[in-house]
């Protein structure tokens, strides 16, 4: 008879909820007294756990939960927030790359527009450095067809995530990828 493995649970220092260790992000105090985000969960040092939401990070900093858990002052909260934003951007770009490899994205203005109008596009992502006309066009089209739209990253990063040149916009055509990306953004 197979025994059921015990799932390790950790408490978020922001919202104080108990969740699976895999669903959490570890904030670590290294032996050099640096505060870093540990994405692997295996680095040496004293750690505190946070949910994968920006609100929990802000709560943990505001109510001194990180300082209490790490037993030290957290002086560089802006650096921690910047690292958090980079981590979240990398997660979204990774999901876009996976969706592209699975053939569930289209990119370019014409293809994205066609995808939304035919009802296949479930999520539109437009680069923050796209032209104002492009942003306005997709904002109006997405509000008319009731498709979620996000302004994210830059053309170069979106293109690199898709394995292509610069991309100003893309549409995700798979429901599960769209939900996962919306959760991360």
Protein backbone atom coordinates (compact mmCIF):
# COMPACT_ATOMS: atom_id res chain seq x y z
CA UNK A 1 0.00 0.00 0.00
CA UNK A 2 1.34 3.40 -1.00
CA UNK A 3 1.66 5.99 1.75
CA UNK A 4 0.61 9.54 1.13
CA UNK A 5 3.42 12.08 1.27
CA UNK A 6 3.05 14.92 3.72
CA UNK A 7 2.94 18.34 2.06
CA UNK A 8 5.12 20.90 3.87
CA UNK A 9 3.09 23.95 4.93
CA UNK A 10 4.43 27.44 5.62
CA UNK A 11 2.86 30.64 6.95
CA UNK A 12 2.96 33.82 4.88
CA UNK A 13 4.52 36.68 6.83
CA UNK A 14 2.20 39.13 5.07
CA UNK A 15 -1.32 37.69 5.23
CA UNK A 16 -0.50 35.03 7.88
CA UNK A 17 -2.22 32.23 5.89
CA UNK A 18 -0.88 28.68 5.85
CA UNK A 19 -0.13 27.42 2.33
CA UNK A 20 1.91 24.76 0.62
CA UNK A 21 5.64 25.49 0.50
CA UNK A 22 5.55 25.20 -3.30
CA UNK A 23 2.99 28.01 -3.54
CA UNK A 24 5.19 30.42 -1.59
CA UNK A 25 8.31 32.47 -2.23
CA UNK A 26 11.16 32.45 0.26
CA UNK A 27 12.82 35.67 1.39
CA UNK A 28 16.26 34.89 2.71
CA UNK A 29 18.80 36.48 5.05
CA UNK A 30 22.20 35.25 3.90
CA UNK A 31 25.25 34.78 6.10
CA UNK A 32 26.50 38.16 4.77
CA UNK A 33 23.28 39.76 6.13
CA UNK A 34 21.88 40.39 2.65
CA UNK A 35 18.13 40.10 2.04
CA UNK A 36 17.41 38.24 -1.23
CA UNK A 37 14.55 36.38 -2.90
CA UNK A 38 15.20 32.63 -3.01
CA UNK A 39 13.34 31.17 -5.97
CA UNK A 40 14.77 27.67 -5.46
CA UNK A 41 13.96 27.48 -1.73
CA UNK A 42 17.26 25.70 -1.11
CA UNK A 43 19.75 28.45 -0.33
CA UNK A 44 21.40 28.53 3.07
CA UNK A 45 20.26 31.13 5.56
CA UNK A 46 17.31 32.20 7.65
CA UNK A 47 14.13 32.38 5.59
CA UNK A 48 10.64 33.80 5.68
CA UNK A 49 7.85 32.85 3.31
CA UNK A 50 5.48 35.06 1.31
CA UNK A 51 2.53 34.39 -0.96
CA UNK A 52 3.12 35.16 -4.61
CA UNK A 53 1.27 38.48 -4.43
CA UNK A 54 2.59 42.01 -4.20
CA UNK A 55 0.05 42.81 -1.47
CA UNK A 56 1.57 40.22 0.87
CA UNK A 57 5.05 41.68 0.31
CA UNK A 58 3.76 45.17 1.13
CA UNK A 59 1.91 43.92 4.24
CA UNK A 60 5.00 42.04 5.47
CA UNK A 61 7.12 45.17 5.12
CA UNK A 62 4.49 47.44 6.67
CA UNK A 63 3.75 45.29 9.74
CA UNK A 64 7.44 44.36 10.18
CA UNK A 65 6.67 40.67 9.63
CA UNK A 66 9.82 40.19 7.55
CA UNK A 67 11.96 41.85 10.20
CA UNK A 68 10.43 39.65 12.87
CA UNK A 69 10.88 36.43 10.90
CA UNK A 70 14.39 37.22 9.70
CA UNK A 71 15.40 38.65 13.10
CA UNK A 72 17.02 41.67 11.47
CA UNK A 73 16.11 45.05 10.02
CA UNK A 74 15.14 45.07 6.34
CA UNK A 75 16.71 48.34 5.17
CA UNK A 76 16.47 47.94 1.39
CA UNK A 77 12.75 47.49 0.87
CA UNK A 78 12.90 49.22 -2.54
CA UNK A 79 15.52 46.70 -3.70
CA UNK A 80 13.29 43.89 -2.49
CA UNK A 81 10.31 45.34 -4.36
CA UNK A 82 12.44 45.75 -7.50
CA UNK A 83 13.60 42.12 -7.25
CA UNK A 84 9.96 41.07 -6.79
CA UNK A 85 8.92 42.94 -9.94
CA UNK A 86 11.75 41.39 -11.97
CA UNK A 87 10.78 37.93 -10.71
CA UNK A 88 7.13 38.46 -11.67
CA UNK A 89 8.14 39.80 -15.12
CA UNK A 90 10.31 36.73 -15.70
CA UNK A 91 7.43 34.43 -14.74
CA UNK A 92 5.06 36.13 -17.18
CA UNK A 93 7.65 36.07 -19.97
CA UNK A 94 8.29 32.37 -19.29
CA UNK A 95 4.57 31.63 -19.56
CA UNK A 96 4.43 33.56 -22.84
CA UNK A 97 7.36 31.49 -24.10
CA UNK A 98 5.65 28.25 -23.10
CA UNK A 99 2.40 29.31 -24.77
CA UNK A 100 4.32 30.20 -27.93
CA UNK A 101 6.09 26.82 -27.99
CA UNK A 102 2.69 25.16 -27.60
CA UNK A 103 1.40 27.17 -30.57
CA UNK A 104 -1.17 29.02 -28.47
CA UNK A 105 -0.14 32.61 -29.26
CA UNK A 106 -0.25 34.90 -32.25
CA UNK A 107 1.76 38.08 -32.55
CA UNK A 108 1.80 41.19 -34.68
CA UNK A 109 -0.95 43.74 -35.03
CA UNK A 110 -2.85 42.06 -37.86
CA UNK A 111 -2.79 38.53 -36.38
CA UNK A 112 -3.67 39.77 -32.89
CA UNK A 113 -6.58 41.83 -34.25
CA UNK A 114 -7.86 38.87 -36.30
CA UNK A 115 -7.61 36.56 -33.27
CA UNK A 116 -9.64 38.90 -31.07
CA UNK A 117 -12.29 39.56 -33.72
CA UNK A 118 -12.80 35.84 -34.41
CA UNK A 119 -13.13 35.10 -30.69
CA UNK A 120 -9.97 32.97 -30.47
CA UNK A 121 -7.93 35.55 -28.56
CA UNK A 122 -8.61 35.24 -24.84
CA UNK A 123 -5.95 37.68 -23.63
CA UNK A 124 -4.08 40.52 -25.34
CA UNK A 125 -0.70 41.77 -24.19
CA UNK A 126 0.64 45.04 -25.58
CA UNK A 127 4.17 46.29 -24.93
CA UNK A 128 4.37 49.37 -22.72
CA UNK A 129 6.67 51.07 -25.24
CA UNK A 130 4.26 50.50 -28.17
CA UNK A 131 2.99 53.60 -29.93
CA UNK A 132 0.02 55.45 -28.46
CA UNK A 133 -2.05 54.65 -31.58
CA UNK A 134 -1.40 50.92 -31.14
CA UNK A 135 -2.33 51.07 -27.46
CA UNK A 136 -5.51 53.01 -28.21
CA UNK A 137 -6.49 50.66 -31.05
CA UNK A 138 -6.16 47.53 -28.90
CA UNK A 139 -7.70 49.16 -25.81
CA UNK A 140 -10.82 50.10 -27.82
CA UNK A 141 -11.01 46.75 -29.63
CA UNK A 142 -10.56 44.72 -26.42
CA UNK A 143 -13.20 46.71 -24.55
CA UNK A 144 -15.65 46.19 -27.46
CA UNK A 145 -15.01 42.43 -27.71
CA UNK A 146 -14.65 42.09 -23.90
CA UNK A 147 -11.16 40.60 -24.01
CA UNK A 148 -8.73 41.34 -21.14
CA UNK A 149 -5.78 43.51 -22.13
CA UNK A 150 -2.53 44.13 -20.27
CA UNK A 151 0.25 46.59 -21.00
CA UNK A 152 3.40 44.75 -20.06
CA UNK A 153 7.18 44.93 -20.45
CA UNK A 154 8.72 46.21 -23.69
CA UNK A 155 8.82 45.13 -27.34
CA UNK A 156 12.25 43.56 -27.09
CA UNK A 157 11.39 41.41 -24.03
CA UNK A 158 8.09 40.24 -25.54
CA UNK A 159 9.86 39.32 -28.76
CA UNK A 160 12.65 37.50 -26.95
CA UNK A 161 10.12 35.52 -24.89
CA UNK A 162 8.46 34.39 -28.12
CA UNK A 163 11.76 33.61 -29.85
CA UNK A 164 11.22 36.34 -32.42
CA UNK A 165 12.17 39.92 -33.13
CA UNK A 166 10.45 42.89 -31.49
CA UNK A 167 6.77 42.32 -30.80
CA UNK A 168 4.43 45.17 -29.89
CA UNK A 169 1.42 42.93 -29.23
CA UNK A 170 0.32 39.34 -28.94
CA UNK A 171 -2.82 37.35 -28.23
CA UNK A 172 -3.00 34.21 -26.12
CA UNK A 173 -5.44 31.67 -27.55
CA UNK A 174 -5.49 29.08 -24.78
CA UNK A 175 -7.74 29.49 -21.74
CA UNK A 176 -5.33 27.93 -19.24
CA UNK A 177 -2.32 29.95 -20.40
CA UNK A 178 -4.46 33.10 -20.36
CA UNK A 179 -5.59 32.43 -16.76
CA UNK A 180 -2.03 31.69 -15.62
CA UNK A 181 -0.67 34.87 -17.19
CA UNK A 182 -3.49 37.01 -15.76
CA UNK A 183 -2.78 35.52 -12.32
CA UNK A 184 0.90 36.52 -12.57
CA UNK A 185 0.29 40.01 -13.95
